[in-house]
C-alpha atoms as a PDB file:
ATOM      1  CA  UNK A   1     -88.006  10.709 -25.324  1.00  0.00           C
ATOM      2  CA  UNK A   2     -87.016  13.138 -25.065  1.00  0.00           C
ATOM      3  CA  UNK A   3     -83.834  14.956 -23.506  1.00  0.00           C
ATOM      4  CA  UNK A   4     -82.742  18.092 -22.339  1.00  0.00           C
ATOM      5  CA  UNK A   5     -79.065  19.272 -21.245  1.00  0.00           C
ATOM      6  CA  UNK A   6     -78.397  22.054 -19.946  1.00  0.00           C
ATOM      7  CA  UNK A   7     -75.516  23.903 -19.622  1.00  0.00           C
ATOM      8  CA  UNK A   8     -73.997  26.587 -15.861  1.00  0.00           C
ATOM      9  CA  UNK A   9     -77.010  26.059 -13.302  1.00  0.00           C
ATOM     10  CA  UNK A  10     -77.399  25.513 -10.217  1.00  0.00           C
ATOM     11  CA  UNK A  11     -79.328  22.406  -8.458  1.00  0.00           C
ATOM     12  CA  UNK A  12     -80.511  23.288  -5.190  1.00  0.00           C
ATOM     13  CA  UNK A  13     -82.464  20.191  -4.469  1.00  0.00           C
ATOM     14  CA  UNK A  14     -84.946  17.072  -6.003  1.00  0.00           C
ATOM     15  CA  UNK A  15     -88.252  16.041  -4.764  1.00  0.00           C
ATOM     16  CA  UNK A  16     -90.988  14.887  -5.560  1.00  0.00           C
ATOM     17  CA  UNK A  17     -89.645  13.947  -9.470  1.00  0.00           C
ATOM     18  CA  UNK A  18     -88.397  18.261 -10.350  1.00  0.00           C
ATOM     19  CA  UNK A  19     -85.694  19.045 -10.055  1.00  0.00           C
ATOM     20  CA  UNK A  20     -85.098  22.156  -8.881  1.00  0.00           C
ATOM     21  CA  UNK A  21     -82.609  24.605  -9.831  1.00  0.00           C
ATOM     22  CA  UNK A  22     -81.291  28.446  -8.251  1.00  0.00           C
ATOM     23  CA  UNK A  23     -83.203  30.695 -10.251  1.00  0.00           C
ATOM     24  CA  UNK A  24     -85.818  28.354  -9.317  1.00  0.00           C
ATOM     25  CA  UNK A  25     -87.153  27.426 -11.952  1.00  0.00           C
ATOM     26  CA  UNK A  26     -88.349  23.187 -11.673  1.00  0.00           C
ATOM     27  CA  UNK A  27     -88.727  20.974 -14.232  1.00  0.00           C
ATOM     28  CA  UNK A  28     -90.625  17.687 -13.503  1.00  0.00           C
ATOM     29  CA  UNK A  29     -89.182  14.890 -14.528  1.00  0.00           C
ATOM     30  CA  UNK A  30     -88.684  11.241 -13.124  1.00  0.00           C
ATOM     31  CA  UNK A  31     -85.554  10.228 -14.401  1.00  0.00           C
ATOM     32  CA  UNK A  32     -82.712  12.746 -13.389  1.00  0.00           C
ATOM     33  CA  UNK A  33     -78.781  12.506 -14.537  1.00  0.00           C
ATOM     34  CA  UNK A  34     -76.548  15.543 -12.788  1.00  0.00           C
ATOM     35  CA  UNK A  35     -72.872  15.762 -13.137  1.00  0.00           C
ATOM     36  CA  UNK A  36     -70.819  18.560 -11.908  1.00  0.00           C
ATOM     37  CA  UNK A  37     -66.926  19.789 -12.669  1.00  0.00           C
ATOM     38  CA  UNK A  38     -65.041  19.091  -9.708  1.00  0.00           C
ATOM     39  CA  UNK A  39     -61.380  22.050  -9.260  1.00  0.00           C
ATOM     40  CA  UNK A  40     -58.545  19.895  -7.354  1.00  0.00           C
ATOM     41  CA  UNK A  41     -56.881  22.111  -4.594  1.00  0.00           C
ATOM     42  CA  UNK A  42     -53.650  20.203  -2.831  1.00  0.00           C
ATOM     43  CA  UNK A  43     -53.853  18.513   0.070  1.00  0.00           C
ATOM     44  CA  UNK A  44     -50.784  18.341   2.879  1.00  0.00           C
ATOM     45  CA  UNK A  45     -47.682  18.612   1.167  1.00  0.00           C
ATOM     46  CA  UNK A  46     -49.636  16.581  -2.191  1.00  0.00           C
ATOM     47  CA  UNK A  47     -46.648  16.988  -5.166  1.00  0.00           C
ATOM     48  CA  UNK A  48     -49.054  20.136  -7.353  1.00  0.00           C
ATOM     49  CA  UNK A  49     -47.775  17.738 -10.376  1.00  0.00           C
ATOM     50  CA  UNK A  50     -50.870  16.280  -9.859  1.00  0.00           C
ATOM     51  CA  UNK A  51     -52.931  18.118 -10.964  1.00  0.00           C
ATOM     52  CA  UNK A  52     -54.128  17.961 -14.369  1.00  0.00           C
ATOM     53  CA  UNK A  53     -55.785  20.101 -17.536  1.00  0.00           C
ATOM     54  CA  UNK A  54     -58.367  21.928 -16.498  1.00  0.00           C
ATOM     55  CA  UNK A  55     -57.762  21.496 -12.196  1.00  0.00           C
ATOM     56  CA  UNK A  56     -58.278  18.556 -11.656  1.00  0.00           C
ATOM     57  CA  UNK A  57     -56.118  15.357 -10.272  1.00  0.00           C
ATOM     58  CA  UNK A  58     -54.922  13.045 -12.267  1.00  0.00           C
ATOM     59  CA  UNK A  59     -56.269   9.275 -11.716  1.00  0.00           C
ATOM     60  CA  UNK A  60     -59.892   8.171 -11.929  1.00  0.00           C
ATOM     61  CA  UNK A  61     -61.863   7.498  -8.765  1.00  0.00           C
ATOM     62  CA  UNK A  62     -65.468   5.500  -9.290  1.00  0.00           C
ATOM     63  CA  UNK A  63     -68.377   4.977  -5.999  1.00  0.00           C
ATOM     64  CA  UNK A  64     -69.525   1.994  -6.515  1.00  0.00           C
ATOM     65  CA  UNK A  65     -72.124   1.510  -3.821  1.00  0.00           C
ATOM     66  CA  UNK A  66     -72.458   2.583  -0.425  1.00  0.00           C
ATOM     67  CA  UNK A  67     -69.327   2.980   1.231  1.00  0.00           C
ATOM     68  CA  UNK A  68     -67.486   1.247  -2.105  1.00  0.00           C
ATOM     69  CA  UNK A  69     -65.163   2.999  -4.941  1.00  0.00           C
ATOM     70  CA  UNK A  70     -62.356   2.346  -6.888  1.00  0.00           C
ATOM     71  CA  UNK A  71     -59.043   4.729  -7.358  1.00  0.00           C
ATOM     72  CA  UNK A  72     -56.198   4.676  -9.563  1.00  0.00           C
ATOM     73  CA  UNK A  73     -53.647   7.498  -9.725  1.00  0.00           C
ATOM     74  CA  UNK A  74     -50.810   6.764 -11.143  1.00  0.00           C
ATOM     75  CA  UNK A  75     -49.202   3.276  -9.536  1.00  0.00           C
ATOM     76  CA  UNK A  76     -51.445   3.352  -7.124  1.00  0.00           C
ATOM     77  CA  UNK A  77     -54.658   0.954  -6.248  1.00  0.00           C
ATOM     78  CA  UNK A  78     -57.061   0.796  -4.289  1.00  0.00           C
ATOM     79  CA  UNK A  79     -60.622  -0.493  -3.830  1.00  0.00           C
ATOM     80  CA  UNK A  80     -63.458  -0.359  -1.113  1.00  0.00           C
ATOM     81  CA  UNK A  81     -63.654   2.305   2.104  1.00  0.00           C
ATOM     82  CA  UNK A  82     -60.558   3.359   1.609  1.00  0.00           C
ATOM     83  CA  UNK A  83     -61.747   4.163  -1.599  1.00  0.00           C
ATOM     84  CA  UNK A  84     -64.896   5.719  -1.094  1.00  0.00           C
ATOM     85  CA  UNK A  85     -62.802   7.900   2.202  1.00  0.00           C
ATOM     86  CA  UNK A  86     -61.096   9.617  -1.114  1.00  0.00           C
END
């Protein structure tokens, strides 16, 4: 099994078992794991102190399935559709 890790590449599509990068390179694969960074932005009257290191919002979020997720921010915990919308 071979694993290739590419950094600072923008993925624009995945079709027909190929990852298509912004620079036109196509990578044939049956298994594709993609991760990306996220930068937190304050919304409305959100407390700016919630933005942590790297510009990310403090807390944890995970999508569990279609319209299902879990989210935890300090003392606030939510699950289900509302967490998914967050």
